Structure formats: structure tokens, C-alpha cells
Amino acid sequence: MNEHLIKLKDMFFKISESADVTFTEIKQKKKITGVNMIFNENQNLLSIRSTNNFNVRFRTDLSHESTHTLMKKLLRAQVHLNRSVAKSFFMNQYKYKVLECTNKREAEAFEYLLIWS
């Protein structure tokens, strides 16, 4: 158990100190499992999410409100006027931090740790 805690701690410092990633860079990560943090233009944290495929999460899901929970929440809270404006922010304004994980279980454990902290 101790080795898992040490690994999660190392992962926390790695994502915290990593450089921001653009929308274009993140959607090129095809079939890669990991965790991402989304920051708005003021560097406020909007979301922490795990995924088993960054390409689907950031390309396909963004086009469909029914599968993109964050998009629904932003529109419902009136953070953006409409889907088009929100999509533009995702693509041009928001910044991302990404950490690739070895499997979905590791990504989910790390996601929960980030949300908790």
C-alpha cells in the first residue's frame, strides 16, 4: 500500500509542476489513459477528469452536449452564452494539465486524489 501512496504523491507533483497543454496538443493524445485538469482564462480550476481516451474526451464529446457533462454544467450556470462560445473557450482560452496513467484504475484513483486535495 505504501508504494501506491508514494506513486500517487509523485503523480501529484508531476502534474502540478507540468507545463500547460493546449487544446490542440491534448486532443492529439489518441487512446491514451490519464487525468486532465482544466483551467479557465483566469487560471481558476474548472474541472478534474480521468479518461481512457483523450481524443474522444476532447474532440467527440465536445460536439455532443448529451455526453459532455462539463459543457452542460457551464451552459446551465451561464458561464458561456451558448455552445459555440463555450467550444471556442475550450479550444482557445482554457489551459490544461495532463498526466498519462498506466491504466483506468490508476487514472481514477489519481482523479479522486486531485478532487479531494
PDB file of N, CA and C in Angstrom:
ATOM      1  N   MET A   1       0.817  -1.194   0.000  1.00  0.00           N
ATOM      2  CA  MET A   1       0.000   0.000   0.000  1.00  0.00           C
ATOM      3  C   MET A   1       0.861   1.258   0.000  1.00  0.00           C
ATOM      4  N   ASN A   2       1.953   1.222   0.741  1.00  0.00           N
ATOM      5  CA  ASN A   2       2.847   2.375   0.837  1.00  0.00           C
ATOM      6  C   ASN A   2       3.382   2.797  -0.531  1.00  0.00           C
ATOM      7  N   GLU A   3       3.705   1.817  -1.372  1.00  0.00           N
ATOM      8  CA  GLU A   3       4.234   2.145  -2.700  1.00  0.00           C
ATOM      9  C   GLU A   3       3.188   2.852  -3.556  1.00  0.00           C
ATOM     10  N   HIS A   4       1.897   2.512  -3.375  1.00  0.00           N
ATOM     11  CA  HIS A   4       0.832   3.185  -4.116  1.00  0.00           C
ATOM     12  C   HIS A   4       0.698   4.641  -3.679  1.00  0.00           C
ATOM     13  N   LEU A   5       0.808   4.882  -2.394  1.00  0.00           N
ATOM     14  CA  LEU A   5       0.727   6.253  -1.881  1.00  0.00           C
ATOM     15  C   LEU A   5       1.901   7.087  -2.384  1.00  0.00           C
ATOM     16  N   ILE A   6       3.071   6.491  -2.410  1.00  0.00           N
ATOM     17  CA  ILE A   6       4.259   7.194  -2.914  1.00  0.00           C
ATOM     18  C   ILE A   6       4.079   7.524  -4.394  1.00  0.00           C
ATOM     19  N   LYS A   7       3.533   6.564  -5.162  1.00  0.00           N
ATOM     20  CA  LYS A   7       3.316   6.805  -6.588  1.00  0.00           C
ATOM     21  C   LYS A   7       2.303   7.930  -6.806  1.00  0.00           C
ATOM     22  N   LEU A   8       1.192   7.924  -6.050  1.00  0.00           N
ATOM     23  CA  LEU A   8       0.186   8.982  -6.184  1.00  0.00           C
ATOM     24  C   LEU A   8       0.771  10.344  -5.819  1.00  0.00           C
ATOM     25  N   LYS A   9       1.607  10.363  -4.785  1.00  0.00           N
ATOM     26  CA  LYS A   9       2.263  11.612  -4.384  1.00  0.00           C
ATOM     27  C   LYS A   9       3.166  12.117  -5.513  1.00  0.00           C
ATOM     28  N   ASP A  10       3.937  11.218  -6.104  1.00  0.00           N
ATOM     29  CA  ASP A  10       4.812  11.590  -7.222  1.00  0.00           C
ATOM     30  C   ASP A  10       3.995  12.110  -8.413  1.00  0.00           C
ATOM     31  N   MET A  11       2.873  11.461  -8.678  1.00  0.00           N
ATOM     32  CA  MET A  11       2.000  11.881  -9.775  1.00  0.00           C
ATOM     33  C   MET A  11       1.447  13.281  -9.505  1.00  0.00           C
ATOM     34  N   PHE A  12       1.088  13.548  -8.243  1.00  0.00           N
ATOM     35  CA  PHE A  12       0.565  14.855  -7.860  1.00  0.00           C
ATOM     36  C   PHE A  12       1.584  15.954  -8.157  1.00  0.00           C
ATOM     37  N   PHE A  13       2.831  15.726  -7.759  1.00  0.00           N
ATOM     38  CA  PHE A  13       3.863  16.737  -8.010  1.00  0.00           C
ATOM     39  C   PHE A  13       4.168  16.868  -9.500  1.00  0.00           C
ATOM     40  N   LYS A  14       4.110  15.759 -10.209  1.00  0.00           N
ATOM     41  CA  LYS A  14       4.389  15.792 -11.645  1.00  0.00           C
ATOM     42  C   LYS A  14       3.360  16.644 -12.397  1.00  0.00           C
ATOM     43  N   ILE A  15       2.064  16.439 -12.127  1.00  0.00           N
ATOM     44  CA  ILE A  15       1.042  17.225 -12.838  1.00  0.00           C
ATOM     45  C   ILE A  15       1.050  18.670 -12.357  1.00  0.00           C
ATOM     46  N   SER A  16       1.318  18.893 -11.075  1.00  0.00           N
ATOM     47  CA  SER A  16       1.344  20.260 -10.529  1.00  0.00           C
ATOM     48  C   SER A  16       2.431  21.105 -11.185  1.00  0.00           C
ATOM     49  N   GLU A  17       3.561  20.488 -11.457  1.00  0.00           N
ATOM     50  CA  GLU A  17       4.707  21.215 -11.999  1.00  0.00           C
ATOM     51  C   GLU A  17       4.788  21.161 -13.517  1.00  0.00           C
ATOM     52  N   SER A  18       3.858  20.456 -14.139  1.00  0.00           N
ATOM     53  CA  SER A  18       3.908  20.327 -15.600  1.00  0.00           C
ATOM     54  C   SER A  18       3.483  21.621 -16.283  1.00  0.00           C
ATOM     55  N   ALA A  19       3.944  21.775 -17.496  1.00  0.00           N
ATOM     56  CA  ALA A  19       3.578  22.944 -18.299  1.00  0.00           C
ATOM     57  C   ALA A  19       2.138  22.795 -18.785  1.00  0.00           C
ATOM     58  N   ASP A  20       1.502  23.922 -19.047  1.00  0.00           N
ATOM     59  CA  ASP A  20       0.155  23.892 -19.614  1.00  0.00           C
ATOM     60  C   ASP A  20       0.198  23.263 -20.996  1.00  0.00           C
ATOM     61  N   VAL A  21      -0.909  22.603 -21.342  1.00  0.00           N
ATOM     62  CA  VAL A  21      -1.053  21.958 -22.638  1.00  0.00           C
ATOM     63  C   VAL A  21      -2.226  22.638 -23.349  1.00  0.00           C
ATOM     64  N   THR A  22      -2.103  22.841 -24.642  1.00  0.00           N
ATOM     65  CA  THR A  22      -3.189  23.462 -25.410  1.00  0.00           C
ATOM     66  C   THR A  22      -4.233  22.418 -25.802  1.00  0.00           C
ATOM     67  N   PHE A  23      -5.377  22.892 -26.239  1.00  0.00           N
ATOM     68  CA  PHE A  23      -6.441  22.016 -26.715  1.00  0.00           C
ATOM     69  C   PHE A  23      -5.941  21.152 -27.871  1.00  0.00           C
ATOM     70  N   THR A  24      -5.221  21.757 -28.786  1.00  0.00           N
ATOM     71  CA  THR A  24      -4.698  21.028 -29.944  1.00  0.00           C
ATOM     72  C   THR A  24      -3.769  19.899 -29.508  1.00  0.00           C
ATOM     73  N   GLU A  25      -2.909  20.178 -28.541  1.00  0.00           N
ATOM     74  CA  GLU A  25      -1.983  19.143 -28.055  1.00  0.00           C
ATOM     75  C   GLU A  25      -2.722  18.013 -27.350  1.00  0.00           C
ATOM     76  N   ILE A  26      -3.712  18.369 -26.548  1.00  0.00           N
ATOM     77  CA  ILE A  26      -4.390  17.336 -25.771  1.00  0.00           C
ATOM     78  C   ILE A  26      -5.254  16.430 -26.643  1.00  0.00           C
ATOM     79  N   LYS A  27      -5.879  16.956 -27.667  1.00  0.00           N
ATOM     80  CA  LYS A  27      -6.743  16.111 -28.498  1.00  0.00           C
ATOM     81  C   LYS A  27      -5.933  15.196 -29.418  1.00  0.00           C
ATOM     82  N   GLN A  28      -4.626  15.430 -29.534  1.00  0.00           N
ATOM     83  CA  GLN A  28      -3.770  14.544 -30.315  1.00  0.00           C
ATOM     84  C   GLN A  28      -3.358  13.296 -29.535  1.00  0.00           C
ATOM     85  N   LYS A  29      -3.680  13.257 -28.261  1.00  0.00           N
ATOM     86  CA  LYS A  29      -3.348  12.102 -27.422  1.00  0.00           C
ATOM     87  C   LYS A  29      -4.409  11.029 -27.626  1.00  0.00           C
ATOM     88  N   LYS A  30      -4.253  10.248 -28.659  1.00  0.00           N
ATOM     89  CA  LYS A  30      -5.253   9.246 -29.014  1.00  0.00           C
ATOM     90  C   LYS A  30      -5.038   7.962 -28.229  1.00  0.00           C
ATOM     91  N   LYS A  31      -6.143   7.441 -27.723  1.00  0.00           N
ATOM     92  CA  LYS A  31      -6.164   6.169 -26.998  1.00  0.00           C
ATOM     93  C   LYS A  31      -5.176   6.153 -25.835  1.00  0.00           C
ATOM     94  N   ILE A  32      -5.056   7.268 -25.152  1.00  0.00           N
ATOM     95  CA  ILE A  32      -4.166   7.375 -24.003  1.00  0.00           C
ATOM     96  C   ILE A  32      -5.019   7.612 -22.765  1.00  0.00           C
ATOM     97  N   THR A  33      -4.739   6.853 -21.726  1.00  0.00           N
ATOM     98  CA  THR A  33      -5.460   6.958 -20.463  1.00  0.00           C
ATOM     99  C   THR A  33      -4.740   7.953 -19.566  1.00  0.00           C
ATOM    100  N   GLY A  34      -5.518   8.767 -18.852  1.00  0.00           N
ATOM    101  CA  GLY A  34      -4.885   9.717 -17.957  1.00  0.00           C
ATOM    102  C   GLY A  34      -5.877  10.619 -17.264  1.00  0.00           C
ATOM    103  N   VAL A  35      -5.336  11.667 -16.669  1.00  0.00           N
ATOM    104  CA  VAL A  35      -6.111  12.655 -15.932  1.00  0.00           C
ATOM    105  C   VAL A  35      -5.799  14.025 -16.507  1.00  0.00           C
ATOM    106  N   ASN A  36      -6.836  14.869 -16.584  1.00  0.00           N
ATOM    107  CA  ASN A  36      -6.607  16.232 -17.031  1.00  0.00           C
ATOM    108  C   ASN A  36      -7.270  17.209 -16.084  1.00  0.00           C
ATOM    109  N   MET A  37      -6.658  18.369 -15.976  1.00  0.00           N
ATOM    110  CA  MET A  37      -7.186  19.476 -15.190  1.00  0.00           C
ATOM    111  C   MET A  37      -7.447  20.606 -16.179  1.00  0.00           C
ATOM    112  N   ILE A  38      -8.616  21.235 -16.065  1.00  0.00           N
ATOM    113  CA  ILE A  38      -8.985  22.313 -16.979  1.00  0.00           C
ATOM    114  C   ILE A  38      -9.051  23.616 -16.194  1.00  0.00           C
ATOM    115  N   PHE A  39      -8.345  24.628 -16.710  1.00  0.00           N
ATOM    116  CA  PHE A  39      -8.300  25.949 -16.080  1.00  0.00           C
ATOM    117  C   PHE A  39      -8.878  26.990 -17.027  1.00  0.00           C
ATOM    118  N   ASN A  40      -9.637  27.934 -16.487  1.00  0.00           N
ATOM    119  CA  ASN A  40     -10.168  28.994 -17.338  1.00  0.00           C
ATOM    120  C   ASN A  40      -9.090  30.046 -17.611  1.00  0.00           C
ATOM    121  N   GLU A  41      -9.485  31.096 -18.308  1.00  0.00           N
ATOM    122  CA  GLU A  41      -8.518  32.126 -18.707  1.00  0.00           C
ATOM    123  C   GLU A  41      -7.921  32.872 -17.513  1.00  0.00           C
ATOM    124  N   ASN A  42      -8.549  32.770 -16.341  1.00  0.00           N
ATOM    125  CA  ASN A  42      -8.020  33.403 -15.119  1.00  0.00           C
ATOM    126  C   ASN A  42      -7.257  32.422 -14.232  1.00  0.00           C
ATOM    127  N   GLN A  43      -6.959  31.249 -14.779  1.00  0.00           N
ATOM    128  CA  GLN A  43      -6.238  30.184 -14.068  1.00  0.00           C
ATOM    129  C   GLN A  43      -7.027  29.586 -12.906  1.00  0.00           C
ATOM    130  N   ASN A  44      -8.366  29.722 -12.938  1.00  0.00           N
ATOM    131  CA  ASN A  44      -9.218  29.063 -11.952  1.00  0.00           C
ATOM    132  C   ASN A  44      -9.516  27.647 -12.429  1.00  0.00           C
ATOM    133  N   LEU A  45      -9.423  26.696 -11.528  1.00  0.00           N
ATOM    134  CA  LEU A  45      -9.675  25.305 -11.870  1.00  0.00           C
ATOM    135  C   LEU A  45     -11.163  25.082 -12.133  1.00  0.00           C
ATOM    136  N   LEU A  46     -11.485  24.570 -13.327  1.00  0.00           N
ATOM    137  CA  LEU A  46     -12.872  24.291 -13.696  1.00  0.00           C
ATOM    138  C   LEU A  46     -13.238  22.831 -13.484  1.00  0.00           C
ATOM    139  N   SER A  47     -12.298  21.944 -13.767  1.00  0.00           N
ATOM    140  CA  SER A  47     -12.641  20.529 -13.751  1.00  0.00           C
ATOM    141  C   SER A  47     -11.400  19.655 -13.640  1.00  0.00           C
ATOM    142  N   ILE A  48     -11.602  18.497 -13.024  1.00  0.00           N
ATOM    143  CA  ILE A  48     -10.593  17.435 -12.976  1.00  0.00           C
ATOM    144  C   ILE A  48     -11.300  16.188 -13.479  1.00  0.00           C
ATOM    145  N   ARG A  49     -10.722  15.545 -14.496  1.00  0.00           N
ATOM    146  CA  ARG A  49     -11.377  14.384 -15.096  1.00  0.00           C
ATOM    147  C   ARG A  49     -10.369  13.327 -15.494  1.00  0.00           C
ATOM    148  N   SER A  50     -10.792  12.085 -15.371  1.00  0.00           N
ATOM    149  CA  SER A  50      -9.983  10.988 -15.902  1.00  0.00           C
ATOM    150  C   SER A  50     -10.643  10.515 -17.192  1.00  0.00           C
ATOM    151  N   THR A  51      -9.849   9.909 -18.053  1.00  0.00           N
ATOM    152  CA  THR A  51     -10.380   9.384 -19.309  1.00  0.00           C
ATOM    153  C   THR A  51      -9.491   8.237 -19.776  1.00  0.00           C
ATOM    154  N   ASN A  52     -10.071   7.371 -20.562  1.00  0.00           N
ATOM    155  CA  ASN A  52      -9.251   6.313 -21.166  1.00  0.00           C
ATOM    156  C   ASN A  52      -8.960   6.617 -22.629  1.00  0.00           C
ATOM    157  N   ASN A  53      -9.371   7.825 -23.075  1.00  0.00           N
ATOM    158  CA  ASN A  53      -9.091   8.228 -24.447  1.00  0.00           C
ATOM    159  C   ASN A  53      -9.251   9.749 -24.568  1.00  0.00           C
ATOM    160  N   PHE A  54      -8.149  10.461 -24.477  1.00  0.00           N
ATOM    161  CA  PHE A  54      -8.186  11.924 -24.547  1.00  0.00           C
ATOM    162  C   PHE A  54      -8.824  12.424 -25.836  1.00  0.00           C
ATOM    163  N   ASN A  55      -8.549  11.748 -26.943  1.00  0.00           N
ATOM    164  CA  ASN A  55      -9.088  12.176 -28.225  1.00  0.00           C
ATOM    165  C   ASN A  55     -10.612  12.205 -28.202  1.00  0.00           C
ATOM    166  N   VAL A  56     -11.233  11.169 -27.668  1.00  0.00           N
ATOM    167  CA  VAL A  56     -12.697  11.127 -27.591  1.00  0.00           C
ATOM    168  C   VAL A  56     -13.195  12.202 -26.642  1.00  0.00           C
ATOM    169  N   ARG A  57     -12.546  12.329 -25.486  1.00  0.00           N
ATOM    170  CA  ARG A  57     -12.984  13.292 -24.471  1.00  0.00           C
ATOM    171  C   ARG A  57     -12.940  14.717 -24.998  1.00  0.00           C
ATOM    172  N   PHE A  58     -11.922  15.041 -25.778  1.00  0.00           N
ATOM    173  CA  PHE A  58     -11.733  16.430 -26.203  1.00  0.00           C
ATOM    174  C   PHE A  58     -12.139  16.718 -27.638  1.00  0.00           C
ATOM    175  N   ARG A  59     -12.535  15.745 -28.379  1.00  0.00           N
ATOM    176  CA  ARG A  59     -12.947  16.008 -29.753  1.00  0.00           C
ATOM    177  C   ARG A  59     -14.413  15.646 -29.927  1.00  0.00           C
ATOM    178  N   THR A  60     -14.724  14.392 -29.755  1.00  0.00           N
ATOM    179  CA  THR A  60     -16.085  13.914 -29.969  1.00  0.00           C
ATOM    180  C   THR A  60     -17.043  14.431 -28.913  1.00  0.00           C
ATOM    181  N   ASP A  61     -16.688  14.276 -27.643  1.00  0.00           N
ATOM    182  CA  ASP A  61     -17.589  14.672 -26.559  1.00  0.00           C
ATOM    183  C   ASP A  61     -17.954  16.144 -26.615  1.00  0.00           C
ATOM    184  N   LEU A  62     -17.029  16.971 -27.029  1.00  0.00           N
ATOM    185  CA  LEU A  62     -17.282  18.411 -27.072  1.00  0.00           C
ATOM    186  C   LEU A  62     -18.390  18.762 -28.071  1.00  0.00           C
ATOM    187  N   SER A  63     -18.587  17.911 -29.052  1.00  0.00           N
ATOM    188  CA  SER A  63     -19.600  18.162 -30.072  1.00  0.00           C
ATOM    189  C   SER A  63     -21.000  17.728 -29.642  1.00  0.00           C
ATOM    190  N   HIS A  64     -21.095  16.970 -28.556  1.00  0.00           N
ATOM    191  CA  HIS A  64     -22.377  16.423 -28.136  1.00  0.00           C
ATOM    192  C   HIS A  64     -22.649  16.770 -26.676  1.00  0.00           C
ATOM    193  N   GLU A  65     -23.590  17.655 -26.440  1.00  0.00           N
ATOM    194  CA  GLU A  65     -23.906  18.080 -25.082  1.00  0.00           C
ATOM    195  C   GLU A  65     -24.358  16.911 -24.223  1.00  0.00           C
ATOM    196  N   SER A  66     -25.012  15.937 -24.819  1.00  0.00           N
ATOM    197  CA  SER A  66     -25.537  14.816 -24.048  1.00  0.00           C
ATOM    198  C   SER A  66     -24.424  13.983 -23.410  1.00  0.00           C
ATOM    199  N   THR A  67     -23.248  13.959 -23.995  1.00  0.00           N
ATOM    200  CA  THR A  67     -22.159  13.164 -23.432  1.00  0.00           C
ATOM    201  C   THR A  67     -21.098  14.012 -22.734  1.00  0.00           C
ATOM    202  N   HIS A  68     -21.209  15.313 -22.824  1.00  0.00           N
ATOM    203  CA  HIS A  68     -20.175  16.175 -22.247  1.00  0.00           C
ATOM    204  C   HIS A  68     -20.748  16.899 -21.029  1.00  0.00           C
ATOM    205  N   THR A  69     -20.576  16.312 -19.862  1.00  0.00           N
ATOM    206  CA  THR A  69     -21.151  16.837 -18.624  1.00  0.00           C
ATOM    207  C   THR A  69     -20.648  18.235 -18.307  1.00  0.00           C
ATOM    208  N   LEU A  70     -19.366  18.476 -18.494  1.00  0.00           N
ATOM    209  CA  LEU A  70     -18.815  19.797 -18.185  1.00  0.00           C
ATOM    210  C   LEU A  70     -19.455  20.870 -19.063  1.00  0.00           C
ATOM    211  N   MET A  71     -19.643  20.566 -20.333  1.00  0.00           N
ATOM    212  CA  MET A  71     -20.292  21.521 -21.235  1.00  0.00           C
ATOM    213  C   MET A  71     -21.690  21.850 -20.712  1.00  0.00           C
ATOM    214  N   LYS A  72     -22.454  20.831 -20.318  1.00  0.00           N
ATOM    215  CA  LYS A  72     -23.797  21.047 -19.779  1.00  0.00           C
ATOM    216  C   LYS A  72     -23.762  21.943 -18.554  1.00  0.00           C
ATOM    217  N   LYS A  73     -22.818  21.683 -17.662  1.00  0.00           N
ATOM    218  CA  LYS A  73     -22.716  22.465 -16.430  1.00  0.00           C
ATOM    219  C   LYS A  73     -22.365  23.923 -16.713  1.00  0.00           C
ATOM    220  N   LEU A  74     -21.452  24.156 -17.629  1.00  0.00           N
ATOM    221  CA  LEU A  74     -21.059  25.527 -17.964  1.00  0.00           C
ATOM    222  C   LEU A  74     -22.217  26.300 -18.597  1.00  0.00           C
ATOM    223  N   LEU A  75     -22.963  25.639 -19.453  1.00  0.00           N
ATOM    224  CA  LEU A  75     -24.100  26.302 -20.093  1.00  0.00           C
ATOM    225  C   LEU A  75     -25.229  26.549 -19.093  1.00  0.00           C
ATOM    226  N   ARG A  76     -25.491  25.572 -18.242  1.00  0.00           N
ATOM    227  CA  ARG A  76     -26.550  25.715 -17.238  1.00  0.00           C
ATOM    228  C   ARG A  76     -26.223  26.826 -16.241  1.00  0.00           C
ATOM    229  N   ALA A  77     -24.957  26.961 -15.883  1.00  0.00           N
ATOM    230  CA  ALA A  77     -24.527  28.007 -14.947  1.00  0.00           C
ATOM    231  C   ALA A  77     -24.344  29.353 -15.656  1.00  0.00           C
ATOM    232  N   GLN A  78     -24.587  29.372 -16.939  1.00  0.00           N
ATOM    233  CA  GLN A  78     -24.461  30.571 -17.769  1.00  0.00           C
ATOM    234  C   GLN A  78     -23.061  31.178 -17.731  1.00  0.00           C
ATOM    235  N   VAL A  79     -22.062  30.299 -17.658  1.00  0.00           N
ATOM    236  CA  VAL A  79     -20.667  30.737 -17.751  1.00  0.00           C
ATOM    237  C   VAL A  79     -20.405  31.234 -19.170  1.00  0.00           C
ATOM    238  N   HIS A  80     -21.034  30.575 -20.148  1.00  0.00           N
ATOM    239  CA  HIS A  80     -20.938  30.972 -21.555  1.00  0.00           C
ATOM    240  C   HIS A  80     -22.340  31.135 -22.114  1.00  0.00           C
ATOM    241  N   LEU A  81     -22.479  31.987 -23.112  1.00  0.00           N
ATOM    242  CA  LEU A  81     -23.799  32.273 -23.695  1.00  0.00           C
ATOM    243  C   LEU A  81     -24.419  31.064 -24.389  1.00  0.00           C
ATOM    244  N   ASN A  82     -23.572  30.306 -25.094  1.00  0.00           N
ATOM    245  CA  ASN A  82     -24.081  29.163 -25.843  1.00  0.00           C
ATOM    246  C   ASN A  82     -22.947  28.177 -26.106  1.00  0.00           C
ATOM    247  N   ARG A  83     -23.302  27.074 -26.737  1.00  0.00           N
ATOM    248  CA  ARG A  83     -22.337  26.004 -27.016  1.00  0.00           C
ATOM    249  C   ARG A  83     -21.181  26.489 -27.887  1.00  0.00           C
ATOM    250  N   SER A  84     -21.454  27.314 -28.860  1.00  0.00           N
ATOM    251  CA  SER A  84     -20.424  27.806 -29.764  1.00  0.00           C
ATOM    252  C   SER A  84     -19.367  28.625 -29.012  1.00  0.00           C
ATOM    253  N   VAL A  85     -19.825  29.510 -28.150  1.00  0.00           N
ATOM    254  CA  VAL A  85     -18.905  30.325 -27.351  1.00  0.00           C
ATOM    255  C   VAL A  85     -18.107  29.429 -26.406  1.00  0.00           C
ATOM    256  N   ALA A  86     -18.792  28.487 -25.751  1.00  0.00           N
ATOM    257  CA  ALA A  86     -18.114  27.568 -24.825  1.00  0.00           C
ATOM    258  C   ALA A  86     -17.047  26.749 -25.561  1.00  0.00           C
ATOM    259  N   LYS A  87     -17.409  26.243 -26.729  1.00  0.00           N
ATOM    260  CA  LYS A  87     -16.463  25.447 -27.510  1.00  0.00           C
ATOM    261  C   LYS A  87     -15.229  26.273 -27.879  1.00  0.00           C
ATOM    262  N   SER A  88     -15.436  27.525 -28.215  1.00  0.00           N
ATOM    263  CA  SER A  88     -14.327  28.417 -28.537  1.00  0.00           C
ATOM    264  C   SER A  88     -13.399  28.583 -27.325  1.00  0.00           C
ATOM    265  N   PHE A  89     -13.985  28.712 -26.138  1.00  0.00           N
ATOM    266  CA  PHE A  89     -13.166  28.823 -24.929  1.00  0.00           C
ATOM    267  C   PHE A  89     -12.373  27.544 -24.693  1.00  0.00           C
ATOM    268  N   PHE A  90     -13.009  26.390 -24.879  1.00  0.00           N
ATOM    269  CA  PHE A  90     -12.294  25.119 -24.721  1.00  0.00           C
ATOM    270  C   PHE A  90     -11.115  25.038 -25.682  1.00  0.00           C
ATOM    271  N   MET A  91     -11.317  25.520 -26.886  1.00  0.00           N
ATOM    272  CA  MET A  91     -10.288  25.389 -27.915  1.00  0.00           C
ATOM    273  C   MET A  91      -9.216  26.475 -27.855  1.00  0.00           C
ATOM    274  N   ASN A  92      -9.567  27.683 -27.371  1.00  0.00           N
ATOM    275  CA  ASN A  92      -8.634  28.807 -27.486  1.00  0.00           C
ATOM    276  C   ASN A  92      -8.233  29.483 -26.181  1.00  0.00           C
ATOM    277  N   GLN A  93      -9.055  29.411 -25.171  1.00  0.00           N
ATOM    278  CA  GLN A  93      -8.795  30.154 -23.939  1.00  0.00           C
ATOM    279  C   GLN A  93      -8.367  29.264 -22.768  1.00  0.00           C
ATOM    280  N   TYR A  94      -9.041  28.143 -22.613  1.00  0.00           N
ATOM    281  CA  TYR A  94      -8.757  27.273 -21.470  1.00  0.00           C
ATOM    282  C   TYR A  94      -7.390  26.629 -21.613  1.00  0.00           C
ATOM    283  N   LYS A  95      -6.784  26.357 -20.469  1.00  0.00           N
ATOM    284  CA  LYS A  95      -5.489  25.683 -20.429  1.00  0.00           C
ATOM    285  C   LYS A  95      -5.674  24.354 -19.704  1.00  0.00           C
ATOM    286  N   TYR A  96      -4.797  23.435 -19.986  1.00  0.00           N
ATOM    287  CA  TYR A  96      -4.922  22.080 -19.469  1.00  0.00           C
ATOM    288  C   TYR A  96      -3.606  21.591 -18.888  1.00  0.00           C
ATOM    289  N   LYS A  97      -3.724  20.765 -17.876  1.00  0.00           N
ATOM    290  CA  LYS A  97      -2.597  19.995 -17.366  1.00  0.00           C
ATOM    291  C   LYS A  97      -2.990  18.540 -17.532  1.00  0.00           C
ATOM    292  N   VAL A  98      -2.054  17.722 -17.983  1.00  0.00           N
ATOM    293  CA  VAL A  98      -2.345  16.333 -18.314  1.00  0.00           C
ATOM    294  C   VAL A  98      -1.295  15.430 -17.698  1.00  0.00           C
ATOM    295  N   LEU A  99      -1.770  14.291 -17.204  1.00  0.00           N
ATOM    296  CA  LEU A  99      -0.852  13.264 -16.737  1.00  0.00           C
ATOM    297  C   LEU A  99      -1.323  11.931 -17.299  1.00  0.00           C
ATOM    298  N   GLU A 100      -0.469  11.279 -18.053  1.00  0.00           N
ATOM    299  CA  GLU A 100      -0.804   9.963 -18.585  1.00  0.00           C
ATOM    300  C   GLU A 100      -0.648   8.932 -17.480  1.00  0.00           C
ATOM    301  N   CYS A 101      -1.556   7.948 -17.467  1.00  0.00           N
ATOM    302  CA  CYS A 101      -1.552   6.894 -16.454  1.00  0.00           C
ATOM    303  C   CYS A 101      -1.426   5.541 -17.135  1.00  0.00           C
ATOM    304  N   THR A 102      -1.034   4.535 -16.354  1.00  0.00           N
ATOM    305  CA  THR A 102      -0.819   3.209 -16.933  1.00  0.00           C
ATOM    306  C   THR A 102      -2.123   2.471 -17.210  1.00  0.00           C
ATOM    307  N   ASN A 103      -3.195   2.808 -16.471  1.00  0.00           N
ATOM    308  CA  ASN A 103      -4.484   2.152 -16.696  1.00  0.00           C
ATOM    309  C   ASN A 103      -5.609   3.004 -16.111  1.00  0.00           C
ATOM    310  N   LYS A 104      -6.834   2.599 -16.380  1.00  0.00           N
ATOM    311  CA  LYS A 104      -8.018   3.357 -15.950  1.00  0.00           C
ATOM    312  C   LYS A 104      -8.117   3.414 -14.424  1.00  0.00           C
ATOM    313  N   ARG A 105      -7.782   2.329 -13.747  1.00  0.00           N
ATOM    314  CA  ARG A 105      -7.857   2.315 -12.283  1.00  0.00           C
ATOM    315  C   ARG A 105      -6.906   3.343 -11.671  1.00  0.00           C
ATOM    316  N   GLU A 106      -5.701   3.415 -12.195  1.00  0.00           N
ATOM    317  CA  GLU A 106      -4.733   4.396 -11.709  1.00  0.00           C
ATOM    318  C   GLU A 106      -5.238   5.814 -11.998  1.00  0.00           C
ATOM    319  N   ALA A 107      -5.796   6.033 -13.179  1.00  0.00           N
ATOM    320  CA  ALA A 107      -6.309   7.359 -13.546  1.00  0.00           C
ATOM    321  C   ALA A 107      -7.444   7.773 -12.619  1.00  0.00           C
ATOM    322  N   GLU A 108      -8.353   6.849 -12.325  1.00  0.00           N
ATOM    323  CA  GLU A 108      -9.472   7.171 -11.439  1.00  0.00           C
ATOM    324  C   GLU A 108      -9.001   7.438 -10.016  1.00  0.00           C
ATOM    325  N   ALA A 109      -8.051   6.660  -9.527  1.00  0.00           N
ATOM    326  CA  ALA A 109      -7.510   6.882  -8.178  1.00  0.00           C
ATOM    327  C   ALA A 109      -6.860   8.265  -8.094  1.00  0.00           C
ATOM    328  N   PHE A 110      -6.111   8.623  -9.132  1.00  0.00           N
ATOM    329  CA  PHE A 110      -5.446   9.923  -9.140  1.00  0.00           C
ATOM    330  C   PHE A 110      -6.458  11.059  -9.276  1.00  0.00           C
ATOM    331  N   GLU A 111      -7.479  10.855 -10.093  1.00  0.00           N
ATOM    332  CA  GLU A 111      -8.551  11.858 -10.231  1.00  0.00           C
ATOM    333  C   GLU A 111      -9.182  12.129  -8.863  1.00  0.00           C
ATOM    334  N   TYR A 112      -9.507  11.083  -8.127  1.00  0.00           N
ATOM    335  CA  TYR A 112     -10.131  11.244  -6.812  1.00  0.00           C
ATOM    336  C   TYR A 112      -9.208  11.967  -5.845  1.00  0.00           C
ATOM    337  N   LEU A 113      -7.924  11.660  -5.896  1.00  0.00           N
ATOM    338  CA  LEU A 113      -6.952  12.331  -5.035  1.00  0.00           C
ATOM    339  C   LEU A 113      -6.915  13.832  -5.351  1.00  0.00           C
ATOM    340  N   LEU A 114      -6.880  14.175  -6.631  1.00  0.00           N
ATOM    341  CA  LEU A 114      -6.860  15.586  -7.017  1.00  0.00           C
ATOM    342  C   LEU A 114      -8.122  16.319  -6.602  1.00  0.00           C
ATOM    343  N   ILE A 115      -9.263  15.671  -6.761  1.00  0.00           N
ATOM    344  CA  ILE A 115     -10.518  16.300  -6.362  1.00  0.00           C
ATOM    345  C   ILE A 115     -10.538  16.523  -4.863  1.00  0.00           C
ATOM    346  N   TRP A 116     -10.073  15.554  -4.123  1.00  0.00           N
ATOM    347  CA  TRP A 116     -10.072  15.637  -2.659  1.00  0.00           C
ATOM    348  C   TRP A 116      -9.119  16.717  -2.159  1.00  0.00           C
ATOM    349  N   SER A 117      -7.987  16.889  -2.830  1.00  0.00           N
ATOM    350  CA  SER A 117      -6.973  17.830  -2.336  1.00  0.00           C
ATOM    351  C   SER A 117      -7.249  19.191  -2.798  1.00  0.00           C
TER     352      SER A 117
END
